[in-house]
Amino acid sequence: RMFKSECHFINGTEKVRLVDRGFYNREEIARYDSDVGRYVGLTPYGEKVARNLNSNPAILEDARNAVDTYCRHNYEVS
């Protein structure tokens, strides 16, 4: 398993997009895109994972807050 988080900055920190991607055996199975606001499965297994993650309000809230706590907070570092 591998996870990768990407922050995309448009016009400084005015428009920030977070993409969290999950991989298994070098294949991307699911991703969270802050523009979409939920997890999306990209494989049959990834669809099950996304459904499970989307059914938990606490996980979705953490993912939505990560735009501020992870991306905007670390803007000067990157």
N, C-alpha and C. Protein backbone atom coordinates (compact mmCIF):
# COMPACT_ATOMS: atom_id res chain seq x y z
N ARG A 1 0.83 -1.18 0.00
CA ARG A 1 0.00 0.00 0.00
C ARG A 1 0.87 1.23 0.00
N MET A 2 0.37 2.25 -0.68
CA MET A 2 1.06 3.53 -0.70
C MET A 2 0.01 4.63 -0.82
N PHE A 3 0.27 5.73 -0.16
CA PHE A 3 -0.62 6.89 -0.22
C PHE A 3 0.19 8.10 -0.63
N LYS A 4 -0.42 8.95 -1.43
CA LYS A 4 0.26 10.15 -1.88
C LYS A 4 -0.72 11.32 -1.78
N SER A 5 -0.27 12.41 -1.16
CA SER A 5 -1.07 13.61 -1.04
C SER A 5 -0.44 14.71 -1.88
N GLU A 6 -1.26 15.41 -2.62
CA GLU A 6 -0.79 16.49 -3.48
C GLU A 6 -1.62 17.74 -3.20
N CYS A 7 -0.93 18.86 -3.06
CA CYS A 7 -1.60 20.15 -2.92
C CYS A 7 -1.35 20.95 -4.19
N HIS A 8 -2.42 21.47 -4.75
CA HIS A 8 -2.33 22.29 -5.95
C HIS A 8 -2.76 23.70 -5.58
N PHE A 9 -1.86 24.67 -5.77
CA PHE A 9 -2.12 26.05 -5.40
C PHE A 9 -2.37 26.88 -6.65
N ILE A 10 -3.51 27.56 -6.66
CA ILE A 10 -3.85 28.43 -7.76
C ILE A 10 -4.03 29.83 -7.16
N ASN A 11 -3.24 30.76 -7.63
CA ASN A 11 -3.30 32.13 -7.12
C ASN A 11 -2.95 32.17 -5.63
N GLY A 12 -1.78 31.64 -5.30
CA GLY A 12 -1.35 31.59 -3.89
C GLY A 12 -2.19 30.61 -3.11
N THR A 13 -2.70 31.05 -1.98
CA THR A 13 -3.56 30.16 -1.18
C THR A 13 -5.03 30.49 -1.34
N GLU A 14 -5.35 31.31 -2.35
CA GLU A 14 -6.74 31.67 -2.57
C GLU A 14 -7.57 30.47 -3.02
N LYS A 15 -7.04 29.71 -3.95
CA LYS A 15 -7.71 28.49 -4.44
C LYS A 15 -6.75 27.32 -4.25
N VAL A 16 -7.11 26.41 -3.37
CA VAL A 16 -6.25 25.28 -3.04
C VAL A 16 -7.03 23.99 -3.29
N ARG A 17 -6.38 23.05 -3.93
CA ARG A 17 -6.99 21.75 -4.21
C ARG A 17 -6.11 20.66 -3.61
N LEU A 18 -6.72 19.76 -2.86
CA LEU A 18 -6.03 18.62 -2.26
C LEU A 18 -6.47 17.35 -2.96
N VAL A 19 -5.50 16.53 -3.34
CA VAL A 19 -5.79 15.22 -3.93
C VAL A 19 -5.01 14.19 -3.13
N ASP A 20 -5.74 13.29 -2.46
CA ASP A 20 -5.15 12.16 -1.73
C ASP A 20 -5.38 10.92 -2.57
N ARG A 21 -4.30 10.22 -2.89
CA ARG A 21 -4.41 9.06 -3.76
C ARG A 21 -3.93 7.82 -3.03
N GLY A 22 -4.67 6.73 -3.18
CA GLY A 22 -4.30 5.46 -2.56
C GLY A 22 -3.94 4.44 -3.62
N PHE A 23 -2.82 3.75 -3.42
CA PHE A 23 -2.33 2.77 -4.38
C PHE A 23 -2.20 1.39 -3.73
N TYR A 24 -2.38 0.37 -4.53
CA TYR A 24 -2.14 -0.99 -4.09
C TYR A 24 -1.53 -1.73 -5.28
N ASN A 25 -0.38 -2.37 -5.08
CA ASN A 25 0.34 -3.05 -6.16
C ASN A 25 0.58 -2.12 -7.36
N ARG A 26 1.00 -0.90 -7.06
CA ARG A 26 1.32 0.13 -8.06
C ARG A 26 0.14 0.59 -8.89
N GLU A 27 -1.06 0.27 -8.47
CA GLU A 27 -2.26 0.69 -9.18
C GLU A 27 -3.06 1.62 -8.27
N GLU A 28 -3.47 2.77 -8.81
CA GLU A 28 -4.29 3.69 -8.03
C GLU A 28 -5.69 3.09 -7.88
N ILE A 29 -6.12 2.92 -6.62
CA ILE A 29 -7.41 2.28 -6.40
C ILE A 29 -8.50 3.28 -6.01
N ALA A 30 -8.12 4.35 -5.30
CA ALA A 30 -9.11 5.33 -4.85
C ALA A 30 -8.42 6.66 -4.63
N ARG A 31 -9.23 7.73 -4.70
CA ARG A 31 -8.68 9.06 -4.44
C ARG A 31 -9.73 9.96 -3.81
N TYR A 32 -9.22 10.93 -3.05
CA TYR A 32 -10.06 12.00 -2.52
C TYR A 32 -9.64 13.27 -3.22
N ASP A 33 -10.59 13.97 -3.78
CA ASP A 33 -10.34 15.25 -4.44
C ASP A 33 -11.18 16.28 -3.72
N SER A 34 -10.53 17.33 -3.19
CA SER A 34 -11.28 18.32 -2.42
C SER A 34 -12.29 19.07 -3.30
N ASP A 35 -12.08 19.14 -4.59
CA ASP A 35 -13.07 19.76 -5.47
C ASP A 35 -14.33 18.91 -5.58
N VAL A 36 -14.19 17.59 -5.47
CA VAL A 36 -15.33 16.68 -5.50
C VAL A 36 -15.95 16.57 -4.11
N GLY A 37 -15.11 16.50 -3.07
CA GLY A 37 -15.59 16.46 -1.69
C GLY A 37 -15.87 15.07 -1.15
N ARG A 38 -15.45 14.04 -1.87
CA ARG A 38 -15.65 12.68 -1.39
C ARG A 38 -14.61 11.78 -2.06
N TYR A 39 -14.53 10.54 -1.57
CA TYR A 39 -13.61 9.55 -2.14
C TYR A 39 -14.26 8.91 -3.36
N VAL A 40 -13.44 8.62 -4.36
CA VAL A 40 -13.91 7.99 -5.59
C VAL A 40 -13.08 6.74 -5.83
N GLY A 41 -13.73 5.62 -6.06
CA GLY A 41 -13.04 4.37 -6.35
C GLY A 41 -12.72 4.27 -7.83
N LEU A 42 -11.52 3.81 -8.12
CA LEU A 42 -11.08 3.70 -9.51
C LEU A 42 -10.95 2.26 -9.99
N THR A 43 -11.10 1.33 -9.06
CA THR A 43 -11.10 -0.10 -9.37
C THR A 43 -12.26 -0.72 -8.60
N PRO A 44 -12.62 -1.97 -8.89
CA PRO A 44 -13.70 -2.60 -8.11
C PRO A 44 -13.40 -2.61 -6.60
N TYR A 45 -12.17 -2.95 -6.24
CA TYR A 45 -11.80 -2.92 -4.82
C TYR A 45 -11.82 -1.48 -4.30
N GLY A 46 -11.33 -0.54 -5.10
CA GLY A 46 -11.31 0.86 -4.71
C GLY A 46 -12.71 1.43 -4.49
N GLU A 47 -13.69 0.93 -5.23
CA GLU A 47 -15.07 1.37 -5.03
C GLU A 47 -15.58 0.96 -3.66
N LYS A 48 -15.21 -0.24 -3.21
CA LYS A 48 -15.59 -0.69 -1.87
C LYS A 48 -14.91 0.16 -0.81
N VAL A 49 -13.63 0.45 -1.02
CA VAL A 49 -12.88 1.28 -0.07
C VAL A 49 -13.51 2.68 -0.01
N ALA A 50 -13.80 3.26 -1.17
CA ALA A 50 -14.39 4.60 -1.22
C ALA A 50 -15.76 4.62 -0.55
N ARG A 51 -16.57 3.61 -0.79
CA ARG A 51 -17.88 3.53 -0.16
C ARG A 51 -17.76 3.50 1.36
N ASN A 52 -16.79 2.72 1.85
CA ASN A 52 -16.56 2.62 3.29
C ASN A 52 -16.10 3.97 3.85
N LEU A 53 -15.16 4.62 3.19
CA LEU A 53 -14.65 5.91 3.67
C LEU A 53 -15.73 6.99 3.61
N ASN A 54 -16.52 7.01 2.57
CA ASN A 54 -17.57 8.02 2.43
C ASN A 54 -18.71 7.82 3.42
N SER A 55 -18.85 6.63 3.96
CA SER A 55 -19.92 6.37 4.92
C SER A 55 -19.56 6.82 6.33
N ASN A 56 -18.30 7.23 6.53
CA ASN A 56 -17.85 7.67 7.86
C ASN A 56 -17.71 9.19 7.86
N PRO A 57 -18.63 9.91 8.51
CA PRO A 57 -18.59 11.38 8.50
C PRO A 57 -17.30 11.96 9.09
N ALA A 58 -16.72 11.29 10.06
CA ALA A 58 -15.48 11.81 10.68
C ALA A 58 -14.32 11.78 9.69
N ILE A 59 -14.23 10.72 8.90
CA ILE A 59 -13.15 10.62 7.91
C ILE A 59 -13.33 11.69 6.83
N LEU A 60 -14.56 11.90 6.37
CA LEU A 60 -14.81 12.93 5.37
C LEU A 60 -14.51 14.32 5.91
N GLU A 61 -14.87 14.57 7.15
CA GLU A 61 -14.60 15.88 7.77
C GLU A 61 -13.10 16.12 7.88
N ASP A 62 -12.34 15.10 8.27
CA ASP A 62 -10.87 15.22 8.34
C ASP A 62 -10.29 15.51 6.96
N ALA A 63 -10.79 14.83 5.94
CA ALA A 63 -10.29 15.05 4.58
C ALA A 63 -10.61 16.46 4.11
N ARG A 64 -11.79 16.95 4.41
CA ARG A 64 -12.17 18.32 4.01
C ARG A 64 -11.33 19.37 4.74
N ASN A 65 -11.03 19.11 6.00
CA ASN A 65 -10.22 20.05 6.78
C ASN A 65 -8.75 20.02 6.39
N ALA A 66 -8.31 18.96 5.73
CA ALA A 66 -6.89 18.83 5.36
C ALA A 66 -6.45 19.91 4.38
N VAL A 67 -7.37 20.48 3.64
CA VAL A 67 -7.00 21.58 2.74
C VAL A 67 -6.38 22.71 3.55
N ASP A 68 -6.95 23.01 4.70
CA ASP A 68 -6.40 24.08 5.55
C ASP A 68 -5.24 23.58 6.41
N THR A 69 -5.41 22.44 7.06
CA THR A 69 -4.40 21.98 8.01
C THR A 69 -3.15 21.43 7.35
N TYR A 70 -3.28 20.88 6.15
CA TYR A 70 -2.13 20.29 5.47
C TYR A 70 -1.60 21.21 4.36
N CYS A 71 -2.46 21.64 3.47
CA CYS A 71 -2.01 22.42 2.31
C CYS A 71 -1.70 23.87 2.67
N ARG A 72 -2.70 24.59 3.12
CA ARG A 72 -2.47 26.02 3.41
C ARG A 72 -1.44 26.21 4.51
N HIS A 73 -1.45 25.33 5.49
CA HIS A 73 -0.50 25.43 6.60
C HIS A 73 0.94 25.28 6.11
N ASN A 74 1.17 24.43 5.12
CA ASN A 74 2.50 24.16 4.62
C ASN A 74 2.83 24.91 3.33
N TYR A 75 2.05 25.92 2.98
CA TYR A 75 2.26 26.65 1.73
C TYR A 75 3.65 27.27 1.66
N GLU A 76 4.09 27.91 2.71
CA GLU A 76 5.40 28.56 2.72
C GLU A 76 6.54 27.55 2.62
N VAL A 77 6.34 26.35 3.12
CA VAL A 77 7.36 25.32 3.09
C VAL A 77 7.57 24.83 1.66
N SER A 78 6.46 24.66 0.94
CA SER A 78 6.56 24.13 -0.42
C SER A 78 6.86 25.24 -1.39
